[in-house]
Amino acid sequence: PALPEDGDLRTLLLGDGPWPGLAPFTAGNFLSEWPGVEPRRLAARDPHAAAAELLEGTGLADRVIEGATLDRWPAAQRGYVRTRTGRALAAWKRDDEGRITLYATRHVYRDQAGHLLPLAMVASEWILERVFRPAAEVSWAAGTLRVEGDVVRKGARLVAYVEDEDGRRKSLVSAQIEKDGAMTVPLEARPDGVVVVGRRGNLPWISVSRLAAHAGSRSSAPAGPPEPVPATRTGPLPRSAPAPGTPERTPTRPADAPDDETPTVAPPTAPLPRRP
């Protein structure tokens, strides 16, 4: 599924409709470093059954756990937990007591970065495109202040300010937009230095426009914000970032096994079980 065409930060992070949300998607596809998976003894001898037993309670999506395997199990002392496509979810190691411990290696981190960094770039672009909106058109005629443009959308709140020469602003009028189109505000006199700012939900729309200098004319240039970024992305995610709910790509795996790889230091936020 593509990122949602509309919505706020909650939509982006937690999902809405076919879009699962960044947080559920990431938690369901990648093992973060956290202490929730304690070392455990595995009864299963089959690599697939052992992987399912080891990954139980990790929060990974069922489609990720299904078909996962412990490579080199049960003969070796260490190896990788891999998805059905071969992606390394984590490394595993057998301790002196026969318990299996999960930990992360550079190979695991590189693979995660290859998936998540492109997704982070798309998400950042999504936010910027919604924060920096095209300037509204503000005009004055027949005792009415009229605001038109992209910011006049259902659910948005528009605030018109009077701005003095020092840049200080005083609220003139605030309106909740009930339908797309235009906002008209009857006033007793034509104000000078009017600035209109839009906001919707928990995501601000930075779209600042000044009233045109002459009565009956229209404003066109924003008063401060940079030019808007290109049109909103609504298509599928880049190939380097797996679209939520689609089969995973098979990563390029280095020839070295985790025997030759030293676990990285766990990030301070959420460490996996430490390697003995």
Protein backbone atom coordinates (compact mmCIF):
# COMPACT_ATOMS: atom_id res chain seq x y z
CA PRO A 1 0.00 0.00 0.00
CA ALA A 2 1.05 3.58 -0.68
CA LEU A 3 1.41 6.20 2.00
CA PRO A 4 -1.95 7.87 2.71
CA GLU A 5 -2.78 10.77 0.43
CA ASP A 6 -4.22 12.70 3.35
CA GLY A 7 -4.06 12.56 7.13
CA ASP A 8 -1.95 13.75 10.04
CA LEU A 9 0.97 12.43 12.06
CA ARG A 10 -1.23 9.88 13.79
CA THR A 11 -2.21 8.47 10.42
CA LEU A 12 1.41 8.29 9.30
CA LEU A 13 2.62 6.57 12.47
CA LEU A 14 -0.32 4.34 13.43
CA GLY A 15 -2.03 3.76 10.10
CA ASP A 16 -5.46 4.18 8.58
CA GLY A 17 -7.27 1.94 6.09
CA PRO A 18 -4.88 -0.02 3.86
CA TRP A 19 -1.88 1.93 5.19
CA PRO A 20 -0.63 0.00 8.29
CA GLY A 21 1.39 2.87 9.78
CA LEU A 22 5.14 3.19 10.26
CA ALA A 23 5.14 1.88 13.83
CA PRO A 24 3.11 -1.33 13.25
CA PHE A 25 4.93 -2.02 9.97
CA THR A 26 8.38 -1.67 11.52
CA ALA A 27 7.51 -3.66 14.64
CA GLY A 28 5.98 -6.44 12.55
CA ASN A 29 8.91 -6.82 10.15
CA PHE A 30 12.08 -6.12 12.12
CA LEU A 31 13.50 -7.22 15.46
CA SER A 32 14.63 -4.24 17.48
CA GLU A 33 17.11 -4.55 20.32
CA TRP A 34 14.96 -5.13 23.37
CA PRO A 35 15.09 -7.37 26.46
CA GLY A 36 11.78 -9.11 25.77
CA VAL A 37 13.29 -12.29 24.26
CA GLU A 38 15.00 -14.10 27.08
CA PRO A 39 17.47 -16.92 26.38
CA ARG A 40 15.51 -20.13 26.08
CA ARG A 41 15.97 -23.83 25.47
CA LEU A 42 14.39 -25.07 22.27
CA ALA A 43 12.76 -28.46 22.16
CA ALA A 44 12.29 -28.53 18.38
CA ARG A 45 14.96 -30.15 16.23
CA ASP A 46 13.47 -28.99 12.95
CA PRO A 47 14.94 -25.58 11.92
CA HIS A 48 11.53 -24.13 11.00
CA ALA A 49 9.83 -25.33 14.17
CA ALA A 50 12.77 -24.06 16.23
CA ALA A 51 12.52 -20.61 14.61
CA ALA A 52 8.79 -20.43 15.32
CA GLU A 53 9.46 -21.40 18.95
CA LEU A 54 12.25 -18.85 19.33
CA LEU A 55 10.31 -15.98 17.71
CA GLU A 56 7.16 -16.53 19.73
CA GLY A 57 6.26 -13.38 21.65
CA THR A 58 8.54 -11.08 19.65
CA GLY A 59 5.67 -9.12 18.08
CA LEU A 60 6.71 -9.99 14.53
CA ALA A 61 3.91 -10.37 11.99
CA ASP A 62 2.69 -13.91 11.39
CA ARG A 63 3.69 -13.70 7.72
CA VAL A 64 7.28 -12.94 8.79
CA ILE A 65 7.47 -15.82 11.26
CA GLU A 66 5.83 -18.24 8.85
CA GLY A 67 8.57 -20.10 7.01
CA ALA A 68 11.37 -18.60 9.13
CA THR A 69 14.28 -20.91 9.89
CA LEU A 70 17.33 -21.21 12.14
CA ASP A 71 20.15 -21.83 9.72
CA ARG A 72 22.77 -24.40 10.76
CA TRP A 73 20.38 -25.72 13.41
CA PRO A 74 20.76 -27.91 15.44
CA ALA A 75 24.36 -28.91 14.68
CA ALA A 76 26.06 -25.50 14.99
CA GLN A 77 26.57 -23.31 18.03
CA ARG A 78 25.46 -20.16 16.28
CA GLY A 79 23.80 -18.94 13.11
CA TYR A 80 21.12 -16.59 11.80
CA VAL A 81 17.34 -16.55 12.16
CA ARG A 82 16.15 -16.04 8.60
CA THR A 83 12.82 -15.34 6.96
CA ARG A 84 11.54 -17.57 4.17
CA THR A 85 13.25 -15.22 1.68
CA GLY A 86 16.59 -15.42 3.46
CA ARG A 87 16.55 -12.05 5.25
CA ALA A 88 18.44 -12.17 8.55
CA LEU A 89 16.13 -11.17 11.40
CA ALA A 90 18.80 -11.70 14.07
CA ALA A 91 21.76 -13.89 14.94
CA TRP A 92 21.47 -16.72 17.46
CA LYS A 93 24.01 -18.34 19.78
CA ARG A 94 23.88 -21.36 22.04
CA ASP A 95 25.34 -20.73 25.52
CA ASP A 96 27.08 -23.22 27.82
CA GLU A 97 23.74 -24.24 29.31
CA GLY A 98 22.22 -25.01 25.93
CA ARG A 99 20.00 -21.92 25.84
CA ILE A 100 19.56 -19.92 22.65
CA THR A 101 20.20 -16.18 22.73
CA LEU A 102 19.27 -13.66 20.04
CA TYR A 103 21.53 -10.73 19.24
CA ALA A 104 22.23 -8.29 16.42
CA THR A 105 25.25 -8.14 14.14
CA ARG A 106 26.51 -5.63 11.60
CA HIS A 107 24.97 -7.76 8.88
CA VAL A 108 21.54 -7.50 10.54
CA TYR A 109 21.87 -3.74 10.97
CA ARG A 110 22.97 -3.25 7.35
CA ASP A 111 19.98 -5.20 6.10
CA GLN A 112 17.57 -3.25 8.30
CA ALA A 113 19.08 0.05 7.16
CA GLY A 114 18.65 -0.96 3.52
CA HIS A 115 14.92 -1.37 4.11
CA LEU A 116 14.18 1.39 6.62
CA LEU A 117 16.28 4.34 5.42
CA PRO A 118 14.45 4.65 2.06
CA LEU A 119 11.15 4.36 3.93
CA ALA A 120 12.27 7.12 6.31
CA MET A 121 13.06 9.37 3.34
CA VAL A 122 9.60 8.81 1.85
CA ALA A 123 7.96 9.50 5.22
CA SER A 124 9.99 12.71 5.66
CA GLU A 125 8.94 13.90 2.21
CA TRP A 126 5.31 13.08 3.09
CA ILE A 127 5.52 15.31 6.18
CA LEU A 128 7.24 18.21 4.41
CA GLU A 129 4.73 18.20 1.57
CA ARG A 130 1.91 18.57 4.08
CA VAL A 131 3.56 21.17 6.27
CA PHE A 132 4.69 23.55 3.52
CA ARG A 133 1.51 24.34 1.59
CA PRO A 134 1.12 26.67 -1.38
CA ALA A 135 0.23 30.21 -0.37
CA ALA A 136 -3.43 31.07 -0.07
CA GLU A 137 -4.99 33.79 -2.21
CA VAL A 138 -6.25 36.63 -0.02
CA SER A 139 -8.37 39.44 -1.45
CA TRP A 140 -10.54 42.31 -0.20
CA ALA A 141 -13.65 43.60 -1.93
CA ALA A 142 -17.04 45.02 -0.89
CA GLY A 143 -16.31 44.82 2.82
CA THR A 144 -15.32 41.15 2.68
CA LEU A 145 -12.00 39.42 3.26
CA ARG A 146 -11.82 36.35 1.01
CA VAL A 147 -9.35 33.47 1.36
CA GLU A 148 -8.97 30.80 -1.35
CA GLY A 149 -6.46 28.09 -2.13
CA ASP A 150 -5.17 24.72 -1.01
CA VAL A 151 -5.41 25.55 2.69
CA VAL A 152 -9.18 26.09 2.49
CA ARG A 153 -10.01 22.43 2.97
CA LYS A 154 -12.57 20.65 5.10
CA GLY A 155 -11.30 20.12 8.63
CA ALA A 156 -8.71 22.89 8.49
CA ARG A 157 -8.65 25.87 10.83
CA LEU A 158 -7.67 29.18 9.30
CA VAL A 159 -6.56 32.13 11.38
CA ALA A 160 -6.26 35.65 9.99
CA TYR A 161 -3.88 37.98 11.84
CA VAL A 162 -3.14 41.67 11.66
CA GLU A 163 0.62 42.13 11.51
CA ASP A 164 2.32 45.40 12.43
CA GLU A 165 5.56 46.80 11.07
CA ASP A 166 7.59 44.96 13.73
CA GLY A 167 6.13 41.59 12.77
CA ARG A 168 3.89 41.26 15.82
CA ARG A 169 0.59 39.58 15.04
CA LYS A 170 -2.86 39.94 16.57
CA SER A 171 -5.62 37.48 15.82
CA LEU A 172 -8.34 39.01 13.65
CA VAL A 173 -10.62 36.05 12.98
CA SER A 174 -10.50 32.25 13.29
CA ALA A 175 -12.67 29.87 11.30
CA GLN A 176 -13.15 26.10 11.07
CA ILE A 177 -13.57 25.07 7.45
CA GLU A 178 -16.63 22.88 6.91
CA LYS A 179 -16.13 22.30 3.18
CA ASP A 180 -13.51 22.91 0.51
CA GLY A 181 -13.64 26.15 -1.41
CA ALA A 182 -13.24 29.64 0.00
CA MET A 183 -13.53 31.40 3.34
CA THR A 184 -15.19 34.82 3.42
CA VAL A 185 -15.11 37.13 6.43
CA PRO A 186 -17.21 40.33 6.49
CA LEU A 187 -15.33 43.23 8.13
CA GLU A 188 -16.21 46.84 8.80
CA ALA A 189 -13.01 48.18 7.27
CA ARG A 190 -10.23 46.94 5.08
CA PRO A 191 -7.41 45.76 7.34
CA ASP A 192 -3.75 46.33 6.58
CA GLY A 193 -1.04 43.73 6.98
CA VAL A 194 -3.31 40.67 7.09
CA VAL A 195 -1.58 37.29 7.37
CA VAL A 196 -3.49 34.00 6.99
CA VAL A 197 -2.16 30.79 8.55
CA GLY A 198 -3.72 27.36 8.11
CA ARG A 199 -3.67 24.36 10.43
CA ARG A 200 -5.31 20.95 10.34
CA GLY A 201 -5.28 18.39 13.17
CA ASN A 202 -1.90 17.90 14.83
CA LEU A 203 0.00 18.80 11.66
CA PRO A 204 0.45 22.54 10.97
CA TRP A 205 0.02 23.83 7.47
CA ILE A 206 2.59 26.56 7.05
CA SER A 207 0.93 28.69 4.40
CA VAL A 208 1.31 32.39 5.05
CA SER A 209 -0.19 34.98 2.68
CA ARG A 210 -0.52 38.75 2.93
CA LEU A 211 -3.45 40.81 1.79
CA ALA A 212 -2.72 42.46 -1.54
CA ALA A 213 -1.66 46.09 -1.40
CA HIS A 214 -4.62 47.42 -3.40
CA ALA A 215 -8.30 46.87 -2.77
CA GLY A 216 -9.85 44.34 -5.13
CA SER A 217 -6.49 42.78 -6.07
CA ARG A 218 -5.24 39.38 -4.99
CA SER A 219 -2.18 38.30 -3.08
CA SER A 220 0.11 35.76 -4.68
CA ALA A 221 3.38 35.48 -2.78
CA PRO A 222 3.82 33.81 0.60
CA ALA A 223 5.15 35.95 3.42
CA GLY A 224 8.04 33.93 4.72
CA PRO A 225 7.85 30.17 4.09
CA PRO A 226 10.00 28.60 1.37
CA GLU A 227 8.55 27.47 -1.93
CA PRO A 228 6.36 24.36 -1.55
CA VAL A 229 7.98 21.01 -2.24
CA PRO A 230 6.79 18.92 -5.23
CA ALA A 231 3.35 17.34 -5.34
CA THR A 232 2.39 14.72 -2.78
CA ARG A 233 3.64 11.22 -3.43
CA THR A 234 0.74 8.81 -3.76
CA GLY A 235 2.37 5.95 -5.63
CA PRO A 236 4.05 2.83 -4.26
CA LEU A 237 7.11 2.97 -2.05
CA PRO A 238 10.58 2.77 -3.63
CA ARG A 239 11.70 -0.75 -4.41
CA SER A 240 14.45 -0.54 -1.81
CA ALA A 241 11.79 -0.12 0.87
CA PRO A 242 9.37 -3.08 1.02
CA ALA A 243 5.75 -2.01 0.74
CA PRO A 244 3.86 -3.15 3.84
CA GLY A 245 2.06 -6.41 3.22
CA THR A 246 4.13 -7.41 0.19
CA PRO A 247 6.67 -10.26 -0.04
CA GLU A 248 10.13 -9.36 1.16
CA ARG A 249 13.08 -9.09 -1.18
CA THR A 250 15.94 -11.52 -0.87
CA PRO A 251 18.96 -9.62 0.47
CA THR A 252 22.53 -9.99 -0.66
CA ARG A 253 24.20 -11.94 2.10
CA PRO A 254 27.93 -11.88 2.86
CA ALA A 255 29.68 -15.23 2.82
CA ASP A 256 30.80 -14.94 6.42
CA ALA A 257 28.74 -16.65 9.10
CA PRO A 258 28.12 -15.10 12.52
CA ASP A 259 31.12 -17.09 13.83
CA ASP A 260 33.29 -14.39 12.27
CA GLU A 261 31.05 -11.51 13.22
CA THR A 262 31.13 -9.68 16.52
CA PRO A 263 27.76 -8.55 17.87
CA THR A 264 27.37 -4.80 17.85
CA VAL A 265 26.78 -2.90 21.04
CA ALA A 266 23.07 -2.74 21.75
CA PRO A 267 21.52 0.73 21.36
CA PRO A 268 20.65 2.32 24.70
CA THR A 269 16.94 2.46 23.95
CA ALA A 270 15.98 -1.20 23.64
CA PRO A 271 18.65 -3.92 23.79
CA LEU A 272 18.17 -7.52 22.66
CA PRO A 273 19.40 -10.17 25.10
CA ARG A 274 23.10 -9.64 25.45
CA ARG A 275 25.46 -12.07 23.88
CA PRO A 276 27.13 -14.14 26.63
